[in-house]
Amino acid sequence: MSKQLRSVKYVRTDVVFVTFNDDEARKIIEEISRRYKVIKAVRSKVVKELYFVSIEGTAEGVEEYLRRDSVKWRKKDLVIFR
C-alpha cells in the first residue's frame, strides 16, 4: 500500500455523465450497481440529462460502462477523506 493511502479514512468515486436516453441511463446505473457498491444515484432536477453516481471505494474500471455512443459527456472524480 502506498504511503499516501495509509492515512486515508474513506475513499469514494463520483461519476457524472450526460445522456439524452433515459433507458440507457437506467441500464448504465444498473450495470454499475451490479459491480460496485453504489452509495447514491440521482438525476439532476435542473438538467434532466445529467446523472450523478457516487460509489464506495476507488471503482477501478467504471469508465467501461460510460463508453457508449449515447453518453455525450462523462467525468470521474476520486474523493479521499483523511
Protein backbone atom coordinates (compact mmCIF):
# COMPACT_ATOMS: atom_id res chain seq x y z
CA MET A 1 0.00 0.00 0.00
CA SER A 2 1.36 3.43 -0.87
CA LYS A 3 2.34 5.88 1.82
CA GLN A 4 -0.43 8.29 0.76
CA LEU A 5 -3.23 5.73 1.09
CA ARG A 6 -2.21 4.59 4.57
CA SER A 7 -3.61 7.74 6.20
CA VAL A 8 -6.88 7.58 4.26
CA LYS A 9 -10.06 7.12 6.29
CA TYR A 10 -12.55 6.81 3.42
CA VAL A 11 -12.45 6.76 -0.40
CA ARG A 12 -15.37 7.46 -2.72
CA THR A 13 -15.63 7.71 -6.51
CA ASP A 14 -18.08 10.21 -8.01
CA VAL A 15 -19.19 9.73 -11.61
CA VAL A 16 -21.16 12.31 -13.56
CA PHE A 17 -22.47 11.68 -17.07
CA VAL A 18 -24.84 13.17 -19.65
CA THR A 19 -27.16 11.16 -21.87
CA PHE A 20 -30.39 12.08 -23.63
CA ASN A 21 -31.70 8.50 -23.40
CA ASP A 22 -33.44 7.74 -20.07
CA ASP A 23 -33.49 3.97 -20.65
CA GLU A 24 -29.77 3.93 -21.41
CA ALA A 25 -29.05 5.90 -18.22
CA ARG A 26 -31.03 3.37 -16.16
CA LYS A 27 -29.10 0.49 -17.76
CA ILE A 28 -25.76 2.16 -17.03
CA ILE A 29 -26.68 2.75 -13.38
CA GLU A 30 -27.93 -0.85 -13.03
CA GLU A 31 -24.71 -2.24 -14.51
CA ILE A 32 -22.58 -0.09 -12.23
CA SER A 33 -24.71 -1.15 -9.23
CA ARG A 34 -24.13 -4.83 -10.00
CA ARG A 35 -20.34 -4.49 -9.84
CA TYR A 36 -19.81 -1.70 -7.29
CA LYS A 37 -21.40 -0.57 -4.03
CA VAL A 38 -23.40 2.48 -5.11
CA ILE A 39 -23.98 4.97 -2.31
CA LYS A 40 -26.23 7.28 -4.27
CA ALA A 41 -27.50 7.60 -7.84
CA VAL A 42 -29.54 10.67 -8.77
CA ARG A 43 -30.76 12.53 -11.81
CA SER A 44 -30.37 16.29 -11.81
CA LYS A 45 -33.54 18.28 -11.21
CA VAL A 46 -32.17 21.24 -13.16
CA VAL A 47 -30.64 19.49 -16.18
CA LYS A 48 -32.62 16.29 -16.69
CA GLU A 49 -29.94 14.71 -18.92
CA LEU A 50 -27.31 14.91 -16.14
CA TYR A 51 -26.81 11.87 -13.86
CA PHE A 52 -24.67 11.57 -10.72
CA VAL A 53 -23.47 8.26 -9.23
CA SER A 54 -21.47 8.01 -6.00
CA ILE A 55 -19.58 4.73 -5.49
CA GLU A 56 -17.81 3.44 -2.39
CA GLY A 57 -14.10 2.81 -2.98
CA THR A 58 -11.89 3.53 -5.98
CA ALA A 59 -14.20 1.93 -8.60
CA GLU A 60 -11.42 0.98 -10.99
CA GLY A 61 -12.80 0.26 -14.45
CA VAL A 62 -16.08 2.16 -14.07
CA GLU A 63 -15.22 4.06 -17.27
CA GLU A 64 -16.06 0.90 -19.27
CA TYR A 65 -19.76 1.41 -18.53
CA LEU A 66 -19.67 5.01 -19.74
CA ARG A 67 -18.01 4.36 -23.12
CA ARG A 68 -21.16 4.33 -25.20
CA ASP A 69 -22.39 6.44 -28.08
CA SER A 70 -25.38 7.56 -26.02
CA VAL A 71 -23.15 9.08 -23.30
CA LYS A 72 -22.24 12.56 -24.55
CA TRP A 73 -20.06 13.61 -21.61
CA ARG A 74 -18.59 11.89 -18.54
CA LYS A 75 -16.36 12.71 -15.58
CA LYS A 76 -14.88 10.57 -12.81
CA ASP A 77 -13.59 12.05 -9.53
CA LEU A 78 -11.82 10.23 -6.74
CA VAL A 79 -12.72 11.76 -3.36
CA ILE A 80 -10.36 10.96 -0.49
CA PHE A 81 -11.21 11.75 3.13
CA ARG A 82 -8.25 11.85 5.51
